[in-house]
């Protein structure tokens, strides 16, 4: 009996087989890439899920300090600023926080120049609603027209089709918050915003915002010296909202922070062989599973020190001492 000739593959079968072979060839590299990413320094902080679909490492980076003095104008060293951004990603940072008001516009532009085309999984969060009359000067404009213009300008500067997390920088007392957030909801519906966050809000303001539009994150000042947003943090923990502490490191030096009563942070730093700024970041990470610190710097050396804090593990006794 002569052997039967194999039936020729139909085009559909050929495409399915080719697809299966292609997927199989990608599984190994993709799995290896995920494994390698979990071993990067920022990954030691663990992960947090934004809005139910964006998983990021809990050690982020705040890009405000990449601008000039007074958060105004170009940085003193633009080359170093771009090096900081690239190094942050190399260290496993996949959440970068910025705003159109930083510079203004400078921080967003530097991010695009340093990182575009963006690596897979990188979340860039920006904000709108603040305007800058000059260095160290801030004002609010939460009008729908301004927020739309600001969002669309950020999309162009960052070279994005959609902003993963867009935050109302401040509530504008001159504009009903329903108008401000309502415009962000429209931008979200148009596909220009993925998730919405708020910044510098009280418990009542957060509750009001959540009645208007789904909120996935809150960005309030919070650090070892300023815990005035503890009640807001508690709401975020209960509702599983990300809490992004701005100014996560209180003023001070690598040896001592302001309001470090009882020198507890200094003792923790000595026990772990780190500086007090690293101890402060480690405390934030241990304080709450919804905490997403965004330390900022214009120095690669300082950046590496900040990210290294993700590996510090405080003991239960240390957490009690720090409060």
C-alpha atoms as a PDB file:
ATOM      1  CA  UNK A   1       0.000   0.000   0.000  1.00  0.00           C
ATOM      2  CA  UNK A   2       1.392   3.367  -0.935  1.00  0.00           C
ATOM      3  CA  UNK A   3       1.617   5.858   1.895  1.00  0.00           C
ATOM      4  CA  UNK A   4      -1.123   8.428   1.893  1.00  0.00           C
ATOM      5  CA  UNK A   5      -0.112  11.952   1.022  1.00  0.00           C
ATOM      6  CA  UNK A   6      -0.844  14.459   3.734  1.00  0.00           C
ATOM      7  CA  UNK A   7      -3.801  16.687   2.946  1.00  0.00           C
ATOM      8  CA  UNK A   8      -2.734  20.219   2.044  1.00  0.00           C
ATOM      9  CA  UNK A   9      -3.380  22.761   4.791  1.00  0.00           C
ATOM     10  CA  UNK A  10      -6.100  25.270   4.180  1.00  0.00           C
ATOM     11  CA  UNK A  11      -5.117  28.922   4.548  1.00  0.00           C
ATOM     12  CA  UNK A  12      -7.089  29.099   7.817  1.00  0.00           C
ATOM     13  CA  UNK A  13      -5.287  26.041   9.220  1.00  0.00           C
ATOM     14  CA  UNK A  14      -1.932  27.454   8.166  1.00  0.00           C
ATOM     15  CA  UNK A  15      -2.639  30.761   9.866  1.00  0.00           C
ATOM     16  CA  UNK A  16      -3.816  29.034  13.055  1.00  0.00           C
ATOM     17  CA  UNK A  17      -0.711  26.842  13.158  1.00  0.00           C
ATOM     18  CA  UNK A  18       1.559  29.798  12.494  1.00  0.00           C
ATOM     19  CA  UNK A  19      -0.169  31.752  15.237  1.00  0.00           C
ATOM     20  CA  UNK A  20       0.227  28.872  17.699  1.00  0.00           C
ATOM     21  CA  UNK A  21       3.910  28.520  16.864  1.00  0.00           C
ATOM     22  CA  UNK A  22       4.404  32.258  17.184  1.00  0.00           C
ATOM     23  CA  UNK A  23       2.681  32.384  20.571  1.00  0.00           C
ATOM     24  CA  UNK A  24       4.701  29.442  21.815  1.00  0.00           C
ATOM     25  CA  UNK A  25       7.905  31.180  20.793  1.00  0.00           C
ATOM     26  CA  UNK A  26       6.849  34.289  22.742  1.00  0.00           C
ATOM     27  CA  UNK A  27       5.851  32.564  25.987  1.00  0.00           C
ATOM     28  CA  UNK A  28       9.415  31.881  27.025  1.00  0.00           C
ATOM     29  CA  UNK A  29      10.737  35.414  26.476  1.00  0.00           C
ATOM     30  CA  UNK A  30       7.637  37.028  28.008  1.00  0.00           C
ATOM     31  CA  UNK A  31       7.809  34.811  31.077  1.00  0.00           C
ATOM     32  CA  UNK A  32      11.517  35.545  31.404  1.00  0.00           C
ATOM     33  CA  UNK A  33      10.862  39.285  31.109  1.00  0.00           C
ATOM     34  CA  UNK A  34       8.209  39.130  33.853  1.00  0.00           C
ATOM     35  CA  UNK A  35      10.540  37.154  36.100  1.00  0.00           C
ATOM     36  CA  UNK A  36      13.384  39.597  35.491  1.00  0.00           C
ATOM     37  CA  UNK A  37      11.103  42.559  36.248  1.00  0.00           C
ATOM     38  CA  UNK A  38      10.062  41.036  39.574  1.00  0.00           C
ATOM     39  CA  UNK A  39      13.730  40.984  40.543  1.00  0.00           C
ATOM     40  CA  UNK A  40      14.301  44.711  39.955  1.00  0.00           C
ATOM     41  CA  UNK A  41      14.791  46.909  43.058  1.00  0.00           C
ATOM     42  CA  UNK A  42      11.453  48.778  42.872  1.00  0.00           C
ATOM     43  CA  UNK A  43       9.570  45.475  42.754  1.00  0.00           C
ATOM     44  CA  UNK A  44      10.678  44.750  46.320  1.00  0.00           C
ATOM     45  CA  UNK A  45       7.967  47.189  47.437  1.00  0.00           C
ATOM     46  CA  UNK A  46       5.254  44.827  46.218  1.00  0.00           C
ATOM     47  CA  UNK A  47       2.447  45.787  43.877  1.00  0.00           C
ATOM     48  CA  UNK A  48      -0.795  47.724  43.902  1.00  0.00           C
ATOM     49  CA  UNK A  49      -3.677  47.587  41.419  1.00  0.00           C
ATOM     50  CA  UNK A  50      -5.064  50.889  40.144  1.00  0.00           C
ATOM     51  CA  UNK A  51      -8.674  50.841  39.034  1.00  0.00           C
ATOM     52  CA  UNK A  52      -8.811  47.056  38.950  1.00  0.00           C
ATOM     53  CA  UNK A  53      -6.621  46.695  35.856  1.00  0.00           C
ATOM     54  CA  UNK A  54      -3.288  48.531  36.229  1.00  0.00           C
ATOM     55  CA  UNK A  55      -0.756  46.655  38.350  1.00  0.00           C
ATOM     56  CA  UNK A  56       2.224  48.806  39.377  1.00  0.00           C
ATOM     57  CA  UNK A  57       5.117  48.483  41.782  1.00  0.00           C
ATOM     58  CA  UNK A  58       4.440  50.402  44.997  1.00  0.00           C
ATOM     59  CA  UNK A  59       7.651  52.422  44.691  1.00  0.00           C
ATOM     60  CA  UNK A  60       6.915  55.127  42.143  1.00  0.00           C
ATOM     61  CA  UNK A  61       8.664  58.300  41.053  1.00  0.00           C
ATOM     62  CA  UNK A  62       7.497  61.905  41.293  1.00  0.00           C
ATOM     63  CA  UNK A  63       8.728  64.073  38.423  1.00  0.00           C
ATOM     64  CA  UNK A  64       8.074  67.513  39.939  1.00  0.00           C
ATOM     65  CA  UNK A  65      11.680  68.109  41.027  1.00  0.00           C
ATOM     66  CA  UNK A  66      13.017  67.635  37.508  1.00  0.00           C
ATOM     67  CA  UNK A  67      12.106  71.247  36.718  1.00  0.00           C
ATOM     68  CA  UNK A  68      13.869  74.489  37.632  1.00  0.00           C
ATOM     69  CA  UNK A  69      13.877  76.321  40.997  1.00  0.00           C
ATOM     70  CA  UNK A  70      10.408  77.080  42.282  1.00  0.00           C
ATOM     71  CA  UNK A  71       9.099  74.240  40.058  1.00  0.00           C
ATOM     72  CA  UNK A  72       9.506  76.743  37.250  1.00  0.00           C
ATOM     73  CA  UNK A  73      11.315  76.577  33.948  1.00  0.00           C
ATOM     74  CA  UNK A  74      13.980  74.259  32.648  1.00  0.00           C
ATOM     75  CA  UNK A  75      16.142  72.113  34.932  1.00  0.00           C
ATOM     76  CA  UNK A  76      19.720  73.133  35.658  1.00  0.00           C
ATOM     77  CA  UNK A  77      20.872  69.894  34.044  1.00  0.00           C
ATOM     78  CA  UNK A  78      18.427  68.547  31.477  1.00  0.00           C
ATOM     79  CA  UNK A  79      20.756  65.655  30.578  1.00  0.00           C
ATOM     80  CA  UNK A  80      20.784  64.490  34.196  1.00  0.00           C
ATOM     81  CA  UNK A  81      17.006  64.914  34.424  1.00  0.00           C
ATOM     82  CA  UNK A  82      16.525  62.557  31.510  1.00  0.00           C
ATOM     83  CA  UNK A  83      19.075  60.147  32.996  1.00  0.00           C
ATOM     84  CA  UNK A  84      17.043  60.083  36.224  1.00  0.00           C
ATOM     85  CA  UNK A  85      13.894  59.107  34.326  1.00  0.00           C
ATOM     86  CA  UNK A  86      15.624  56.357  32.367  1.00  0.00           C
ATOM     87  CA  UNK A  87      17.351  55.041  35.481  1.00  0.00           C
ATOM     88  CA  UNK A  88      14.036  54.956  37.367  1.00  0.00           C
ATOM     89  CA  UNK A  89      12.571  52.656  34.725  1.00  0.00           C
ATOM     90  CA  UNK A  90      15.737  50.519  34.733  1.00  0.00           C
ATOM     91  CA  UNK A  91      15.275  50.060  38.485  1.00  0.00           C
ATOM     92  CA  UNK A  92      11.727  48.782  38.005  1.00  0.00           C
ATOM     93  CA  UNK A  93       9.687  51.941  38.540  1.00  0.00           C
ATOM     94  CA  UNK A  94       6.538  51.612  36.442  1.00  0.00           C
ATOM     95  CA  UNK A  95       4.502  54.492  37.918  1.00  0.00           C
ATOM     96  CA  UNK A  96       5.619  58.064  37.187  1.00  0.00           C
ATOM     97  CA  UNK A  97       3.622  60.998  38.550  1.00  0.00           C
ATOM     98  CA  UNK A  98       3.712  64.439  36.943  1.00  0.00           C
ATOM     99  CA  UNK A  99       1.464  67.430  36.144  1.00  0.00           C
ATOM    100  CA  UNK A 100       1.071  70.015  33.419  1.00  0.00           C
ATOM    101  CA  UNK A 101       1.814  72.670  36.070  1.00  0.00           C
ATOM    102  CA  UNK A 102       5.327  71.360  36.759  1.00  0.00           C
ATOM    103  CA  UNK A 103       7.476  73.778  34.827  1.00  0.00           C
ATOM    104  CA  UNK A 104       4.798  74.421  33.591  1.00  0.00           C
ATOM    105  CA  UNK A 105       4.866  71.771  30.841  1.00  0.00           C
ATOM    106  CA  UNK A 106       8.574  71.017  31.378  1.00  0.00           C
ATOM    107  CA  UNK A 107       8.183  67.819  33.413  1.00  0.00           C
ATOM    108  CA  UNK A 108       5.801  66.200  30.924  1.00  0.00           C
ATOM    109  CA  UNK A 109       8.062  67.120  28.010  1.00  0.00           C
ATOM    110  CA  UNK A 110      11.140  65.662  29.706  1.00  0.00           C
ATOM    111  CA  UNK A 111       9.276  62.391  30.320  1.00  0.00           C
ATOM    112  CA  UNK A 112       8.423  62.128  26.639  1.00  0.00           C
ATOM    113  CA  UNK A 113      11.965  63.008  25.549  1.00  0.00           C
ATOM    114  CA  UNK A 114      13.542  60.484  27.915  1.00  0.00           C
ATOM    115  CA  UNK A 115      11.163  57.544  27.673  1.00  0.00           C
ATOM    116  CA  UNK A 116       9.095  57.587  24.474  1.00  0.00           C
ATOM    117  CA  UNK A 117       8.378  55.106  22.998  1.00  0.00           C
ATOM    118  CA  UNK A 118       7.295  53.968  26.437  1.00  0.00           C
ATOM    119  CA  UNK A 119       8.098  50.481  27.740  1.00  0.00           C
ATOM    120  CA  UNK A 120       5.175  48.125  28.163  1.00  0.00           C
ATOM    121  CA  UNK A 121       3.484  48.462  31.537  1.00  0.00           C
ATOM    122  CA  UNK A 122       4.695  51.984  32.316  1.00  0.00           C
ATOM    123  CA  UNK A 123       1.911  54.089  33.861  1.00  0.00           C
ATOM    124  CA  UNK A 124       2.265  57.851  33.521  1.00  0.00           C
ATOM    125  CA  UNK A 125      -0.092  59.750  35.808  1.00  0.00           C
ATOM    126  CA  UNK A 126      -0.561  63.471  35.297  1.00  0.00           C
ATOM    127  CA  UNK A 127      -2.761  66.230  36.672  1.00  0.00           C
ATOM    128  CA  UNK A 128      -4.687  69.277  35.533  1.00  0.00           C
ATOM    129  CA  UNK A 129      -6.446  72.139  37.231  1.00  0.00           C
ATOM    130  CA  UNK A 130      -3.520  74.186  38.554  1.00  0.00           C
ATOM    131  CA  UNK A 131      -2.030  77.170  36.759  1.00  0.00           C
ATOM    132  CA  UNK A 132       1.281  78.906  37.377  1.00  0.00           C
ATOM    133  CA  UNK A 133       1.558  82.699  37.543  1.00  0.00           C
ATOM    134  CA  UNK A 134       5.278  82.388  38.368  1.00  0.00           C
ATOM    135  CA  UNK A 135       7.951  80.484  40.379  1.00  0.00           C
ATOM    136  CA  UNK A 136       6.543  78.988  43.596  1.00  0.00           C
ATOM    137  CA  UNK A 137       3.125  80.437  42.693  1.00  0.00           C
ATOM    138  CA  UNK A 138       0.064  78.240  42.255  1.00  0.00           C
ATOM    139  CA  UNK A 139      -3.547  78.991  41.394  1.00  0.00           C
ATOM    140  CA  UNK A 140      -6.542  76.833  40.526  1.00  0.00           C
ATOM    141  CA  UNK A 141      -8.640  76.683  37.381  1.00  0.00           C
ATOM    142  CA  UNK A 142     -11.107  73.818  37.543  1.00  0.00           C
ATOM    143  CA  UNK A 143     -13.353  75.111  34.787  1.00  0.00           C
ATOM    144  CA  UNK A 144     -14.432  72.455  32.294  1.00  0.00           C
ATOM    145  CA  UNK A 145     -12.923  74.400  29.384  1.00  0.00           C
ATOM    146  CA  UNK A 146      -9.530  74.633  31.086  1.00  0.00           C
ATOM    147  CA  UNK A 147      -9.495  70.981  32.145  1.00  0.00           C
ATOM    148  CA  UNK A 148     -10.309  69.821  28.618  1.00  0.00           C
ATOM    149  CA  UNK A 149      -7.601  72.032  27.142  1.00  0.00           C
ATOM    150  CA  UNK A 150      -5.102  70.892  29.804  1.00  0.00           C
ATOM    151  CA  UNK A 151      -5.829  67.190  29.291  1.00  0.00           C
ATOM    152  CA  UNK A 152      -5.549  67.385  25.523  1.00  0.00           C
ATOM    153  CA  UNK A 153      -2.310  69.379  25.787  1.00  0.00           C
ATOM    154  CA  UNK A 154      -0.874  66.745  28.157  1.00  0.00           C
ATOM    155  CA  UNK A 155      -1.785  64.024  25.676  1.00  0.00           C
ATOM    156  CA  UNK A 156       0.177  65.866  22.980  1.00  0.00           C
ATOM    157  CA  UNK A 157       3.198  66.626  25.172  1.00  0.00           C
ATOM    158  CA  UNK A 158       3.422  63.081  26.510  1.00  0.00           C
ATOM    159  CA  UNK A 159       2.679  61.648  23.077  1.00  0.00           C
ATOM    160  CA  UNK A 160      -0.080  59.428  24.427  1.00  0.00           C
ATOM    161  CA  UNK A 161      -3.438  58.446  23.015  1.00  0.00           C
ATOM    162  CA  UNK A 162      -4.852  57.944  26.506  1.00  0.00           C
ATOM    163  CA  UNK A 163      -3.676  58.991  29.971  1.00  0.00           C
ATOM    164  CA  UNK A 164      -3.809  56.043  32.368  1.00  0.00           C
ATOM    165  CA  UNK A 165      -4.450  58.185  35.468  1.00  0.00           C
ATOM    166  CA  UNK A 166      -5.579  61.808  35.226  1.00  0.00           C
ATOM    167  CA  UNK A 167      -5.946  63.650  38.525  1.00  0.00           C
ATOM    168  CA  UNK A 168      -7.745  66.854  39.446  1.00  0.00           C
ATOM    169  CA  UNK A 169      -4.787  68.766  40.880  1.00  0.00           C
ATOM    170  CA  UNK A 170      -6.874  70.785  43.348  1.00  0.00           C
ATOM    171  CA  UNK A 171     -10.553  71.493  43.822  1.00  0.00           C
ATOM    172  CA  UNK A 172     -11.242  75.009  42.579  1.00  0.00           C
ATOM    173  CA  UNK A 173     -13.440  76.838  45.080  1.00  0.00           C
ATOM    174  CA  UNK A 174     -14.759  79.056  42.264  1.00  0.00           C
ATOM    175  CA  UNK A 175     -16.099  76.102  40.237  1.00  0.00           C
ATOM    176  CA  UNK A 176     -18.626  73.459  41.368  1.00  0.00           C
ATOM    177  CA  UNK A 177     -16.704  70.217  41.767  1.00  0.00           C
ATOM    178  CA  UNK A 178     -19.435  68.442  39.790  1.00  0.00           C
ATOM    179  CA  UNK A 179     -18.532  70.627  36.803  1.00  0.00           C
ATOM    180  CA  UNK A 180     -14.814  69.873  37.094  1.00  0.00           C
ATOM    181  CA  UNK A 181     -15.157  66.134  37.583  1.00  0.00           C
ATOM    182  CA  UNK A 182     -18.024  65.963  35.132  1.00  0.00           C
ATOM    183  CA  UNK A 183     -15.684  67.206  32.403  1.00  0.00           C
ATOM    184  CA  UNK A 184     -13.087  64.582  33.364  1.00  0.00           C
ATOM    185  CA  UNK A 185     -15.840  61.964  33.140  1.00  0.00           C
ATOM    186  CA  UNK A 186     -16.623  63.164  29.602  1.00  0.00           C
ATOM    187  CA  UNK A 187     -12.949  62.962  28.654  1.00  0.00           C
ATOM    188  CA  UNK A 188     -12.907  59.456  30.103  1.00  0.00           C
ATOM    189  CA  UNK A 189     -15.925  58.477  28.035  1.00  0.00           C
ATOM    190  CA  UNK A 190     -14.152  59.827  24.938  1.00  0.00           C
ATOM    191  CA  UNK A 191     -11.225  57.497  25.624  1.00  0.00           C
ATOM    192  CA  UNK A 192      -8.734  60.230  26.522  1.00  0.00           C
ATOM    193  CA  UNK A 193      -8.547  59.229  30.191  1.00  0.00           C
ATOM    194  CA  UNK A 194      -8.438  55.699  31.569  1.00  0.00           C
ATOM    195  CA  UNK A 195      -8.884  56.373  35.294  1.00  0.00           C
ATOM    196  CA  UNK A 196      -9.569  59.478  37.400  1.00  0.00           C
ATOM    197  CA  UNK A 197      -7.933  60.521  40.661  1.00  0.00           C
ATOM    198  CA  UNK A 198      -8.161  63.509  43.008  1.00  0.00           C
ATOM    199  CA  UNK A 199      -5.545  65.419  44.957  1.00  0.00           C
ATOM    200  CA  UNK A 200      -5.492  67.310  48.242  1.00  0.00           C
ATOM    201  CA  UNK A 201      -8.986  66.388  49.370  1.00  0.00           C
ATOM    202  CA  UNK A 202     -10.720  65.885  52.685  1.00  0.00           C
ATOM    203  CA  UNK A 203     -12.829  62.855  53.608  1.00  0.00           C
ATOM    204  CA  UNK A 204     -16.019  64.753  52.724  1.00  0.00           C
ATOM    205  CA  UNK A 205     -14.593  66.010  49.424  1.00  0.00           C
ATOM    206  CA  UNK A 206     -13.519  62.499  48.500  1.00  0.00           C
ATOM    207  CA  UNK A 207     -17.021  61.201  49.236  1.00  0.00           C
ATOM    208  CA  UNK A 208     -18.523  63.945  47.053  1.00  0.00           C
ATOM    209  CA  UNK A 209     -16.108  63.196  44.223  1.00  0.00           C
ATOM    210  CA  UNK A 210     -16.944  59.489  44.316  1.00  0.00           C
ATOM    211  CA  UNK A 211     -20.644  60.263  43.948  1.00  0.00           C
ATOM    212  CA  UNK A 212     -19.872  62.134  40.714  1.00  0.00           C
ATOM    213  CA  UNK A 213     -17.417  59.780  39.008  1.00  0.00           C
ATOM    214  CA  UNK A 214     -15.463  56.604  39.910  1.00  0.00           C
ATOM    215  CA  UNK A 215     -12.258  57.615  41.699  1.00  0.00           C
ATOM    216  CA  UNK A 216      -9.301  55.214  41.851  1.00  0.00           C
ATOM    217  CA  UNK A 217      -6.676  57.258  43.724  1.00  0.00           C
ATOM    218  CA  UNK A 218      -6.045  60.106  46.145  1.00  0.00           C
ATOM    219  CA  UNK A 219      -2.880  62.182  46.251  1.00  0.00           C
ATOM    220  CA  UNK A 220      -2.482  64.035  49.563  1.00  0.00           C
ATOM    221  CA  UNK A 221       0.530  65.249  51.516  1.00  0.00           C
ATOM    222  CA  UNK A 222       1.558  62.541  53.949  1.00  0.00           C
ATOM    223  CA  UNK A 223       4.866  61.694  55.614  1.00  0.00           C
ATOM    224  CA  UNK A 224       6.404  60.917  58.978  1.00  0.00           C
ATOM    225  CA  UNK A 225       6.079  64.561  60.068  1.00  0.00           C
ATOM    226  CA  UNK A 226       2.666  65.332  58.533  1.00  0.00           C
ATOM    227  CA  UNK A 227      -0.082  62.766  59.074  1.00  0.00           C
ATOM    228  CA  UNK A 228      -2.994  65.151  58.766  1.00  0.00           C
ATOM    229  CA  UNK A 229      -4.489  62.988  55.982  1.00  0.00           C
ATOM    230  CA  UNK A 230      -4.684  59.883  58.184  1.00  0.00           C
ATOM    231  CA  UNK A 231      -8.498  59.840  57.957  1.00  0.00           C
ATOM    232  CA  UNK A 232      -8.364  60.016  54.158  1.00  0.00           C
ATOM    233  CA  UNK A 233      -5.812  57.185  54.124  1.00  0.00           C
ATOM    234  CA  UNK A 234      -8.215  55.113  56.243  1.00  0.00           C
ATOM    235  CA  UNK A 235     -10.987  55.627  53.666  1.00  0.00           C
ATOM    236  CA  UNK A 236      -8.613  54.602  50.873  1.00  0.00           C
ATOM    237  CA  UNK A 237      -7.699  51.430  52.751  1.00  0.00           C
ATOM    238  CA  UNK A 238     -11.335  50.534  53.317  1.00  0.00           C
ATOM    239  CA  UNK A 239     -12.356  51.274  49.713  1.00  0.00           C
ATOM    240  CA  UNK A 240      -9.153  49.911  48.135  1.00  0.00           C
ATOM    241  CA  UNK A 241      -8.210  53.227  46.532  1.00  0.00           C
ATOM    242  CA  UNK A 242      -4.551  53.978  45.908  1.00  0.00           C
ATOM    243  CA  UNK A 243      -3.113  56.567  48.295  1.00  0.00           C
ATOM    244  CA  UNK A 244      -0.272  58.514  46.674  1.00  0.00           C
ATOM    245  CA  UNK A 245       1.559  60.568  49.318  1.00  0.00           C
ATOM    246  CA  UNK A 246       3.123  63.707  47.896  1.00  0.00           C
ATOM    247  CA  UNK A 247       6.140  65.023  49.783  1.00  0.00           C
ATOM    248  CA  UNK A 248       6.620  61.451  51.082  1.00  0.00           C
ATOM    249  CA  UNK A 249       9.885  62.440  52.761  1.00  0.00           C
ATOM    250  CA  UNK A 250       9.590  65.201  55.350  1.00  0.00           C
ATOM    251  CA  UNK A 251      12.039  68.074  55.225  1.00  0.00           C
ATOM    252  CA  UNK A 252      15.428  67.382  56.710  1.00  0.00           C
ATOM    253  CA  UNK A 253      18.690  65.683  55.898  1.00  0.00           C
ATOM    254  CA  UNK A 254      19.830  62.096  55.428  1.00  0.00           C
ATOM    255  CA  UNK A 255      20.635  62.084  59.163  1.00  0.00           C
ATOM    256  CA  UNK A 256      17.539  63.661  60.683  1.00  0.00           C
ATOM    257  CA  UNK A 257      14.001  64.598  59.609  1.00  0.00           C
ATOM    258  CA  UNK A 258      11.829  67.389  60.960  1.00  0.00           C
ATOM    259  CA  UNK A 259       9.465  66.454  63.771  1.00  0.00           C
ATOM    260  CA  UNK A 260      11.188  63.096  64.320  1.00  0.00           C
ATOM    261  CA  UNK A 261      10.129  63.046  67.954  1.00  0.00           C
ATOM    262  CA  UNK A 262      11.994  60.509  70.006  1.00  0.00           C
ATOM    263  CA  UNK A 263      14.456  59.973  67.146  1.00  0.00           C
ATOM    264  CA  UNK A 264      12.577  56.790  66.217  1.00  0.00           C
ATOM    265  CA  UNK A 265      13.410  57.014  62.509  1.00  0.00           C
ATOM    266  CA  UNK A 266      17.075  57.566  63.286  1.00  0.00           C
ATOM    267  CA  UNK A 267      17.095  54.390  65.378  1.00  0.00           C
ATOM    268  CA  UNK A 268      15.347  52.410  62.617  1.00  0.00           C
ATOM    269  CA  UNK A 269      17.831  53.723  60.064  1.00  0.00           C
ATOM    270  CA  UNK A 270      20.793  52.659  62.181  1.00  0.00           C
ATOM    271  CA  UNK A 271      19.293  49.217  62.791  1.00  0.00           C
ATOM    272  CA  UNK A 272      18.894  48.585  59.056  1.00  0.00           C
ATOM    273  CA  UNK A 273      22.086  50.264  57.899  1.00  0.00           C
ATOM    274  CA  UNK A 274      20.259  52.886  55.802  1.00  0.00           C
ATOM    275  CA  UNK A 275      19.852  56.640  55.986  1.00  0.00           C
ATOM    276  CA  UNK A 276      16.867  58.251  57.658  1.00  0.00           C
ATOM    277  CA  UNK A 277      15.258  59.203  54.327  1.00  0.00           C
ATOM    278  CA  UNK A 278      15.241  55.551  53.309  1.00  0.00           C
ATOM    279  CA  UNK A 279      13.798  54.612  56.692  1.00  0.00           C
ATOM    280  CA  UNK A 280      10.995  57.143  56.152  1.00  0.00           C
ATOM    281  CA  UNK A 281      10.123  55.590  52.776  1.00  0.00           C
ATOM    282  CA  UNK A 282      10.231  52.087  54.235  1.00  0.00           C
ATOM    283  CA  UNK A 283       7.832  53.231  56.961  1.00  0.00           C
ATOM    284  CA  UNK A 284       5.375  54.543  54.370  1.00  0.00           C
ATOM    285  CA  UNK A 285       5.416  51.234  52.482  1.00  0.00           C
ATOM    286  CA  UNK A 286       4.843  49.321  55.706  1.00  0.00           C
ATOM    287  CA  UNK A 287       2.140  51.717  56.911  1.00  0.00           C
ATOM    288  CA  UNK A 288      -0.518  50.624  54.404  1.00  0.00           C
ATOM    289  CA  UNK A 289      -0.917  48.214  51.487  1.00  0.00           C
ATOM    290  CA  UNK A 290      -2.585  50.981  49.424  1.00  0.00           C
ATOM    291  CA  UNK A 291       0.362  53.356  49.864  1.00  0.00           C
ATOM    292  CA  UNK A 292       2.167  54.319  46.633  1.00  0.00           C
ATOM    293  CA  UNK A 293       5.085  56.633  47.490  1.00  0.00           C
ATOM    294  CA  UNK A 294       6.464  58.845  44.720  1.00  0.00           C
ATOM    295  CA  UNK A 295       9.790  60.230  45.978  1.00  0.00           C
ATOM    296  CA  UNK A 296      11.247  62.744  43.549  1.00  0.00           C
ATOM    297  CA  UNK A 297      14.771  63.907  42.830  1.00  0.00           C
ATOM    298  CA  UNK A 298      16.919  65.363  40.077  1.00  0.00           C
ATOM    299  CA  UNK A 299      19.905  63.168  41.001  1.00  0.00           C
ATOM    300  CA  UNK A 300      20.545  59.590  39.875  1.00  0.00           C
ATOM    301  CA  UNK A 301      22.446  58.893  43.104  1.00  0.00           C
ATOM    302  CA  UNK A 302      19.526  60.027  45.270  1.00  0.00           C
ATOM    303  CA  UNK A 303      17.095  58.115  43.066  1.00  0.00           C
ATOM    304  CA  UNK A 304      19.001  54.881  43.598  1.00  0.00           C
ATOM    305  CA  UNK A 305      18.993  55.450  47.358  1.00  0.00           C
ATOM    306  CA  UNK A 306      15.238  56.084  47.358  1.00  0.00           C
ATOM    307  CA  UNK A 307      14.444  52.950  45.354  1.00  0.00           C
ATOM    308  CA  UNK A 308      16.718  50.853  47.580  1.00  0.00           C
ATOM    309  CA  UNK A 309      14.361  51.647  50.478  1.00  0.00           C
ATOM    310  CA  UNK A 310      11.884  49.194  48.943  1.00  0.00           C
ATOM    311  CA  UNK A 311      14.008  46.339  50.291  1.00  0.00           C
ATOM    312  CA  UNK A 312      13.925  47.536  53.911  1.00  0.00           C
ATOM    313  CA  UNK A 313      11.572  45.488  56.085  1.00  0.00           C
ATOM    314  CA  UNK A 314      10.527  47.067  59.371  1.00  0.00           C
ATOM    315  CA  UNK A 315       9.776  44.856  62.347  1.00  0.00           C
ATOM    316  CA  UNK A 316       6.410  44.977  64.170  1.00  0.00           C
ATOM    317  CA  UNK A 317       8.149  46.651  67.115  1.00  0.00           C
ATOM    318  CA  UNK A 318       9.607  49.328  64.851  1.00  0.00           C
ATOM    319  CA  UNK A 319       6.185  50.020  63.353  1.00  0.00           C
ATOM    320  CA  UNK A 320       4.718  50.458  66.829  1.00  0.00           C
ATOM    321  CA  UNK A 321       7.546  52.825  67.764  1.00  0.00           C
ATOM    322  CA  UNK A 322       7.030  54.924  64.638  1.00  0.00           C
ATOM    323  CA  UNK A 323       3.246  55.003  65.116  1.00  0.00           C
END
